[in-house]
Amino acid sequence: IATVVDSLKSYYDQSVDTASSYVESIKGY
């Protein structure tokens, strides 16, 4: 369970970072 939770947290953090970068690039347009 701890391994699954850690992997889900890392996927969530990675997706938030990706979405933030997309939002920043959209603001540039």
PDB file of all heavy atoms in Angstrom:
ATOM      1  N   ILE A   1       0.841  -1.204   0.000  1.00  0.00           N
ATOM      2  CA  ILE A   1       0.000   0.000   0.000  1.00  0.00           C
ATOM      3  C   ILE A   1       0.870   1.246   0.000  1.00  0.00           C
ATOM      4  O   ILE A   1       0.597   2.205  -0.727  1.00  0.00           O
ATOM      5  CB  ILE A   1      -0.963  -0.018   1.197  1.00  0.00           C
ATOM      6  CG1 ILE A   1      -1.951  -1.169   1.044  1.00  0.00           C
ATOM      7  CG2 ILE A   1      -1.689   1.305   1.331  1.00  0.00           C
ATOM      8  CD1 ILE A   1      -2.872  -1.359   2.221  1.00  0.00           C
ATOM      9  N   ALA A   2       1.924   1.247   0.793  1.00  0.00           N
ATOM     10  CA  ALA A   2       2.814   2.412   0.836  1.00  0.00           C
ATOM     11  C   ALA A   2       3.481   2.630  -0.512  1.00  0.00           C
ATOM     12  O   ALA A   2       3.624   3.773  -0.961  1.00  0.00           O
ATOM     13  CB  ALA A   2       3.861   2.223   1.927  1.00  0.00           C
ATOM     14  N   THR A   3       3.860   1.562  -1.174  1.00  0.00           N
ATOM     15  CA  THR A   3       4.481   1.676  -2.488  1.00  0.00           C
ATOM     16  C   THR A   3       3.491   2.246  -3.503  1.00  0.00           C
ATOM     17  O   THR A   3       3.838   3.123  -4.298  1.00  0.00           O
ATOM     18  CB  THR A   3       4.978   0.300  -2.966  1.00  0.00           C
ATOM     19  OG1 THR A   3       5.832  -0.251  -1.972  1.00  0.00           O
ATOM     20  CG2 THR A   3       5.721   0.412  -4.277  1.00  0.00           C
ATOM     21  N   VAL A   4       2.260   1.763  -3.462  1.00  0.00           N
ATOM     22  CA  VAL A   4       1.231   2.256  -4.385  1.00  0.00           C
ATOM     23  C   VAL A   4       0.935   3.718  -4.112  1.00  0.00           C
ATOM     24  O   VAL A   4       0.833   4.533  -5.037  1.00  0.00           O
ATOM     25  CB  VAL A   4      -0.052   1.399  -4.273  1.00  0.00           C
ATOM     26  CG1 VAL A   4      -1.205   2.038  -5.017  1.00  0.00           C
ATOM     27  CG2 VAL A   4       0.204  -0.005  -4.784  1.00  0.00           C
ATOM     28  N   VAL A   5       0.817   4.089  -2.835  1.00  0.00           N
ATOM     29  CA  VAL A   5       0.532   5.482  -2.480  1.00  0.00           C
ATOM     30  C   VAL A   5       1.672   6.390  -2.930  1.00  0.00           C
ATOM     31  O   VAL A   5       1.438   7.473  -3.472  1.00  0.00           O
ATOM     32  CB  VAL A   5       0.279   5.608  -0.960  1.00  0.00           C
ATOM     33  CG1 VAL A   5       0.271   7.056  -0.527  1.00  0.00           C
ATOM     34  CG2 VAL A   5      -1.030   4.945  -0.586  1.00  0.00           C
ATOM     35  N   ASP A   6       2.912   5.951  -2.723  1.00  0.00           N
ATOM     36  CA  ASP A   6       4.047   6.757  -3.157  1.00  0.00           C
ATOM     37  C   ASP A   6       4.066   6.933  -4.667  1.00  0.00           C
ATOM     38  O   ASP A   6       4.344   8.023  -5.174  1.00  0.00           O
ATOM     39  CB  ASP A   6       5.360   6.112  -2.694  1.00  0.00           C
ATOM     40  CG  ASP A   6       5.578   6.257  -1.197  1.00  0.00           C
ATOM     41  OD1 ASP A   6       4.887   7.102  -0.575  1.00  0.00           O
ATOM     42  OD2 ASP A   6       6.433   5.529  -0.653  1.00  0.00           O
ATOM     43  N   SER A   7       3.760   5.890  -5.401  1.00  0.00           N
ATOM     44  CA  SER A   7       3.756   6.013  -6.862  1.00  0.00           C
ATOM     45  C   SER A   7       2.614   6.916  -7.324  1.00  0.00           C
ATOM     46  O   SER A   7       2.782   7.714  -8.244  1.00  0.00           O
ATOM     47  CB  SER A   7       3.677   4.646  -7.530  1.00  0.00           C
ATOM     48  OG  SER A   7       2.463   4.011  -7.190  1.00  0.00           O
ATOM     49  N   LEU A   8       1.449   6.812  -6.672  1.00  0.00           N
ATOM     50  CA  LEU A   8       0.337   7.696  -7.029  1.00  0.00           C
ATOM     51  C   LEU A   8       0.673   9.154  -6.727  1.00  0.00           C
ATOM     52  O   LEU A   8       0.338  10.058  -7.504  1.00  0.00           O
ATOM     53  CB  LEU A   8      -0.936   7.294  -6.295  1.00  0.00           C
ATOM     54  CG  LEU A   8      -1.587   6.000  -6.767  1.00  0.00           C
ATOM     55  CD1 LEU A   8      -2.772   5.659  -5.881  1.00  0.00           C
ATOM     56  CD2 LEU A   8      -2.023   6.111  -8.213  1.00  0.00           C
ATOM     57  N   LYS A   9       1.341   9.400  -5.608  1.00  0.00           N
ATOM     58  CA  LYS A   9       1.750  10.764  -5.272  1.00  0.00           C
ATOM     59  C   LYS A   9       2.717  11.309  -6.310  1.00  0.00           C
ATOM     60  O   LYS A   9       2.617  12.465  -6.717  1.00  0.00           O
ATOM     61  CB  LYS A   9       2.405  10.807  -3.890  1.00  0.00           C
ATOM     62  CG  LYS A   9       1.426  10.758  -2.748  1.00  0.00           C
ATOM     63  CD  LYS A   9       2.151  10.848  -1.413  1.00  0.00           C
ATOM     64  CE  LYS A   9       1.189  10.735  -0.258  1.00  0.00           C
ATOM     65  NZ  LYS A   9       1.884  10.775   1.038  1.00  0.00           N
ATOM     66  N   SER A  10       3.655  10.476  -6.743  1.00  0.00           N
ATOM     67  CA  SER A  10       4.616  10.951  -7.737  1.00  0.00           C
ATOM     68  C   SER A  10       3.929  11.228  -9.073  1.00  0.00           C
ATOM     69  O   SER A  10       4.232  12.220  -9.739  1.00  0.00           O
ATOM     70  CB  SER A  10       5.748   9.940  -7.917  1.00  0.00           C
ATOM     71  OG  SER A  10       5.273   8.760  -8.518  1.00  0.00           O
ATOM     72  N   TYR A  11       2.965  10.366  -9.473  1.00  0.00           N
ATOM     73  CA  TYR A  11       2.218  10.618 -10.699  1.00  0.00           C
ATOM     74  C   TYR A  11       1.403  11.909 -10.585  1.00  0.00           C
ATOM     75  O   TYR A  11       1.330  12.697 -11.526  1.00  0.00           O
ATOM     76  CB  TYR A  11       1.281   9.456 -11.036  1.00  0.00           C
ATOM     77  CG  TYR A  11       1.982   8.207 -11.485  1.00  0.00           C
ATOM     78  CD1 TYR A  11       1.532   6.961 -11.071  1.00  0.00           C
ATOM     79  CD2 TYR A  11       3.085   8.254 -12.334  1.00  0.00           C
ATOM     80  CE1 TYR A  11       2.170   5.801 -11.478  1.00  0.00           C
ATOM     81  CE2 TYR A  11       3.727   7.102 -12.740  1.00  0.00           C
ATOM     82  CZ  TYR A  11       3.267   5.882 -12.312  1.00  0.00           C
ATOM     83  OH  TYR A  11       3.896   4.745 -12.712  1.00  0.00           O
ATOM     84  N   TYR A  12       0.786  12.129  -9.418  1.00  0.00           N
ATOM     85  CA  TYR A  12      -0.011  13.339  -9.201  1.00  0.00           C
ATOM     86  C   TYR A  12       0.883  14.576  -9.270  1.00  0.00           C
ATOM     87  O   TYR A  12       0.533  15.563  -9.931  1.00  0.00           O
ATOM     88  CB  TYR A  12      -0.716  13.271  -7.844  1.00  0.00           C
ATOM     89  CG  TYR A  12      -1.445  14.535  -7.486  1.00  0.00           C
ATOM     90  CD1 TYR A  12      -2.660  14.835  -8.084  1.00  0.00           C
ATOM     91  CD2 TYR A  12      -0.924  15.425  -6.562  1.00  0.00           C
ATOM     92  CE1 TYR A  12      -3.328  16.004  -7.774  1.00  0.00           C
ATOM     93  CE2 TYR A  12      -1.592  16.590  -6.242  1.00  0.00           C
ATOM     94  CZ  TYR A  12      -2.791  16.877  -6.838  1.00  0.00           C
ATOM     95  OH  TYR A  12      -3.443  18.030  -6.538  1.00  0.00           O
ATOM     96  N   ASP A  13       2.026  14.535  -8.599  1.00  0.00           N
ATOM     97  CA  ASP A  13       2.936  15.679  -8.630  1.00  0.00           C
ATOM     98  C   ASP A  13       3.420  15.961 -10.046  1.00  0.00           C
ATOM     99  O   ASP A  13       3.505  17.115 -10.470  1.00  0.00           O
ATOM    100  CB  ASP A  13       4.129  15.431  -7.709  1.00  0.00           C
ATOM    101  CG  ASP A  13       3.741  15.432  -6.239  1.00  0.00           C
ATOM    102  OD1 ASP A  13       2.677  16.008  -5.910  1.00  0.00           O
ATOM    103  OD2 ASP A  13       4.498  14.851  -5.431  1.00  0.00           O
ATOM    104  N   GLN A  14       3.708  14.913 -10.786  1.00  0.00           N
ATOM    105  CA  GLN A  14       4.175  15.074 -12.156  1.00  0.00           C
ATOM    106  C   GLN A  14       3.077  15.680 -13.037  1.00  0.00           C
ATOM    107  O   GLN A  14       3.339  16.564 -13.853  1.00  0.00           O
ATOM    108  CB  GLN A  14       4.621  13.727 -12.711  1.00  0.00           C
ATOM    109  CG  GLN A  14       5.288  13.798 -14.052  1.00  0.00           C
ATOM    110  CD  GLN A  14       5.750  12.422 -14.510  1.00  0.00           C
ATOM    111  OE1 GLN A  14       5.324  11.404 -13.969  1.00  0.00           O
ATOM    112  NE2 GLN A  14       6.614  12.393 -15.509  1.00  0.00           N
ATOM    113  N   SER A  15       1.833  15.234 -12.859  1.00  0.00           N
ATOM    114  CA  SER A  15       0.738  15.778 -13.670  1.00  0.00           C
ATOM    115  C   SER A  15       0.445  17.228 -13.300  1.00  0.00           C
ATOM    116  O   SER A  15       0.137  18.046 -14.175  1.00  0.00           O
ATOM    117  CB  SER A  15      -0.518  14.923 -13.528  1.00  0.00           C
ATOM    118  OG  SER A  15      -0.983  14.943 -12.193  1.00  0.00           O
ATOM    119  N   VAL A  16       0.560  17.580 -12.015  1.00  0.00           N
ATOM    120  CA  VAL A  16       0.357  18.971 -11.610  1.00  0.00           C
ATOM    121  C   VAL A  16       1.446  19.860 -12.211  1.00  0.00           C
ATOM    122  O   VAL A  16       1.160  20.965 -12.691  1.00  0.00           O
ATOM    123  CB  VAL A  16       0.330  19.082 -10.067  1.00  0.00           C
ATOM    124  CG1 VAL A  16       0.446  20.521  -9.619  1.00  0.00           C
ATOM    125  CG2 VAL A  16      -0.950  18.473  -9.527  1.00  0.00           C
ATOM    126  N   ASP A  17       2.669  19.392 -12.200  1.00  0.00           N
ATOM    127  CA  ASP A  17       3.758  20.163 -12.797  1.00  0.00           C
ATOM    128  C   ASP A  17       3.545  20.347 -14.295  1.00  0.00           C
ATOM    129  O   ASP A  17       3.760  21.439 -14.840  1.00  0.00           O
ATOM    130  CB  ASP A  17       5.106  19.477 -12.553  1.00  0.00           C
ATOM    131  CG  ASP A  17       5.506  19.504 -11.086  1.00  0.00           C
ATOM    132  OD1 ASP A  17       4.962  20.348 -10.342  1.00  0.00           O
ATOM    133  OD2 ASP A  17       6.358  18.677 -10.690  1.00  0.00           O
ATOM    134  N   THR A  18       3.104  19.305 -14.967  1.00  0.00           N
ATOM    135  CA  THR A  18       2.842  19.392 -16.408  1.00  0.00           C
ATOM    136  C   THR A  18       1.705  20.366 -16.687  1.00  0.00           C
ATOM    137  O   THR A  18       1.802  21.199 -17.591  1.00  0.00           O
ATOM    138  CB  THR A  18       2.498  18.010 -16.970  1.00  0.00           C
ATOM    139  OG1 THR A  18       3.556  17.109 -16.656  1.00  0.00           O
ATOM    140  CG2 THR A  18       2.309  18.062 -18.469  1.00  0.00           C
ATOM    141  N   ALA A  19       0.633  20.284 -15.913  1.00  0.00           N
ATOM    142  CA  ALA A  19      -0.498  21.196 -16.105  1.00  0.00           C
ATOM    143  C   ALA A  19      -0.089  22.629 -15.832  1.00  0.00           C
ATOM    144  O   ALA A  19      -0.497  23.551 -16.548  1.00  0.00           O
ATOM    145  CB  ALA A  19      -1.653  20.790 -15.197  1.00  0.00           C
ATOM    146  N   SER A  20       0.729  22.849 -14.828  1.00  0.00           N
ATOM    147  CA  SER A  20       1.200  24.201 -14.525  1.00  0.00           C
ATOM    148  C   SER A  20       2.033  24.760 -15.663  1.00  0.00           C
ATOM    149  O   SER A  20       1.905  25.937 -16.012  1.00  0.00           O
ATOM    150  CB  SER A  20       2.019  24.198 -13.238  1.00  0.00           C
ATOM    151  OG  SER A  20       1.234  23.820 -12.148  1.00  0.00           O
ATOM    152  N   SER A  21       2.865  23.919 -16.252  1.00  0.00           N
ATOM    153  CA  SER A  21       3.670  24.398 -17.380  1.00  0.00           C
ATOM    154  C   SER A  21       2.782  24.720 -18.585  1.00  0.00           C
ATOM    155  O   SER A  21       3.029  25.689 -19.298  1.00  0.00           O
ATOM    156  CB  SER A  21       4.736  23.379 -17.755  1.00  0.00           C
ATOM    157  OG  SER A  21       4.142  22.199 -18.264  1.00  0.00           O
ATOM    158  N   TYR A  22       1.727  23.912 -18.802  1.00  0.00           N
ATOM    159  CA  TYR A  22       0.790  24.216 -19.888  1.00  0.00           C
ATOM    160  C   TYR A  22       0.058  25.527 -19.642  1.00  0.00           C
ATOM    161  O   TYR A  22      -0.118  26.330 -20.555  1.00  0.00           O
ATOM    162  CB  TYR A  22      -0.232  23.094 -20.058  1.00  0.00           C
ATOM    163  CG  TYR A  22       0.302  21.833 -20.694  1.00  0.00           C
ATOM    164  CD1 TYR A  22      -0.269  20.608 -20.412  1.00  0.00           C
ATOM    165  CD2 TYR A  22       1.370  21.868 -21.575  1.00  0.00           C
ATOM    166  CE1 TYR A  22       0.214  19.449 -20.984  1.00  0.00           C
ATOM    167  CE2 TYR A  22       1.860  20.717 -22.145  1.00  0.00           C
ATOM    168  CZ  TYR A  22       1.282  19.508 -21.849  1.00  0.00           C
ATOM    169  OH  TYR A  22       1.751  18.360 -22.418  1.00  0.00           O
ATOM    170  N   VAL A  23      -0.355  25.763 -18.397  1.00  0.00           N
ATOM    171  CA  VAL A  23      -1.057  27.006 -18.068  1.00  0.00           C
ATOM    172  C   VAL A  23      -0.139  28.205 -18.289  1.00  0.00           C
ATOM    173  O   VAL A  23      -0.557  29.235 -18.834  1.00  0.00           O
ATOM    174  CB  VAL A  23      -1.582  26.964 -16.619  1.00  0.00           C
ATOM    175  CG1 VAL A  23      -2.037  28.333 -16.153  1.00  0.00           C
ATOM    176  CG2 VAL A  23      -2.726  25.970 -16.502  1.00  0.00           C
ATOM    177  N   GLU A  24       1.106  28.071 -17.893  1.00  0.00           N
ATOM    178  CA  GLU A  24       2.050  29.167 -18.094  1.00  0.00           C
ATOM    179  C   GLU A  24       2.278  29.434 -19.585  1.00  0.00           C
ATOM    180  O   GLU A  24       2.370  30.581 -20.009  1.00  0.00           O
ATOM    181  CB  GLU A  24       3.385  28.857 -17.405  1.00  0.00           C
ATOM    182  CG  GLU A  24       3.303  28.894 -15.901  1.00  0.00           C
ATOM    183  CD  GLU A  24       2.871  30.239 -15.356  1.00  0.00           C
ATOM    184  OE1 GLU A  24       3.286  31.278 -15.883  1.00  0.00           O
ATOM    185  OE2 GLU A  24       2.085  30.232 -14.394  1.00  0.00           O
ATOM    186  N   SER A  25       2.344  28.371 -20.391  1.00  0.00           N
ATOM    187  CA  SER A  25       2.544  28.589 -21.826  1.00  0.00           C
ATOM    188  C   SER A  25       1.294  29.194 -22.466  1.00  0.00           C
ATOM    189  O   SER A  25       1.394  30.003 -23.383  1.00  0.00           O
ATOM    190  CB  SER A  25       2.919  27.282 -22.522  1.00  0.00           C
ATOM    191  OG  SER A  25       1.838  26.377 -22.477  1.00  0.00           O
ATOM    192  N   ILE A  26       0.109  28.830 -21.975  1.00  0.00           N
ATOM    193  CA  ILE A  26      -1.132  29.408 -22.507  1.00  0.00           C
ATOM    194  C   ILE A  26      -1.227  30.885 -22.155  1.00  0.00           C
ATOM    195  O   ILE A  26      -1.674  31.703 -22.958  1.00  0.00           O
ATOM    196  CB  ILE A  26      -2.350  28.619 -21.987  1.00  0.00           C
ATOM    197  CG1 ILE A  26      -2.415  27.262 -22.674  1.00  0.00           C
ATOM    198  CG2 ILE A  26      -3.642  29.384 -22.207  1.00  0.00           C
ATOM    199  CD1 ILE A  26      -3.474  26.335 -22.105  1.00  0.00           C
ATOM    200  N   LYS A  27      -0.798  31.251 -20.945  1.00  0.00           N
ATOM    201  CA  LYS A  27      -0.816  32.660 -20.561  1.00  0.00           C
ATOM    202  C   LYS A  27       0.086  33.478 -21.479  1.00  0.00           C
ATOM    203  O   LYS A  27      -0.164  34.653 -21.725  1.00  0.00           O
ATOM    204  CB  LYS A  27      -0.379  32.822 -19.104  1.00  0.00           C
ATOM    205  CG  LYS A  27      -1.444  32.441 -18.120  1.00  0.00           C
ATOM    206  CD  LYS A  27      -0.994  32.698 -16.702  1.00  0.00           C
ATOM    207  CE  LYS A  27      -2.075  32.316 -15.717  1.00  0.00           C
ATOM    208  NZ  LYS A  27      -1.649  32.518 -14.321  1.00  0.00           N
ATOM    209  N   GLY A  28       1.121  32.847 -21.983  1.00  0.00           N
ATOM    210  CA  GLY A  28       2.017  33.535 -22.908  1.00  0.00           C
ATOM    211  C   GLY A  28       1.347  33.869 -24.229  1.00  0.00           C
ATOM    212  O   GLY A  28       1.742  34.808 -24.915  1.00  0.00           O
ATOM    213  N   TYR A  29       0.340  33.123 -24.621  1.00  0.00           N
ATOM    214  CA  TYR A  29      -0.368  33.381 -25.871  1.00  0.00           C
ATOM    215  C   TYR A  29      -1.450  34.451 -25.727  1.00  0.00           C
ATOM    216  O   TYR A  29      -2.093  34.805 -26.712  1.00  0.00           O
ATOM    217  CB  TYR A  29      -1.013  32.102 -26.402  1.00  0.00           C
ATOM    218  CG  TYR A  29      -0.029  31.029 -26.793  1.00  0.00           C
ATOM    219  CD1 TYR A  29      -0.232  29.726 -26.377  1.00  0.00           C
ATOM    220  CD2 TYR A  29       1.076  31.315 -27.564  1.00  0.00           C
ATOM    221  CE1 TYR A  29       0.664  28.726 -26.718  1.00  0.00           C
ATOM    222  CE2 TYR A  29       1.974  30.325 -27.915  1.00  0.00           C
ATOM    223  CZ  TYR A  29       1.762  29.033 -27.493  1.00  0.00           C
ATOM    224  OH  TYR A  29       2.637  28.046 -27.829  1.00  0.00           O
TER     225      TYR A  29
END
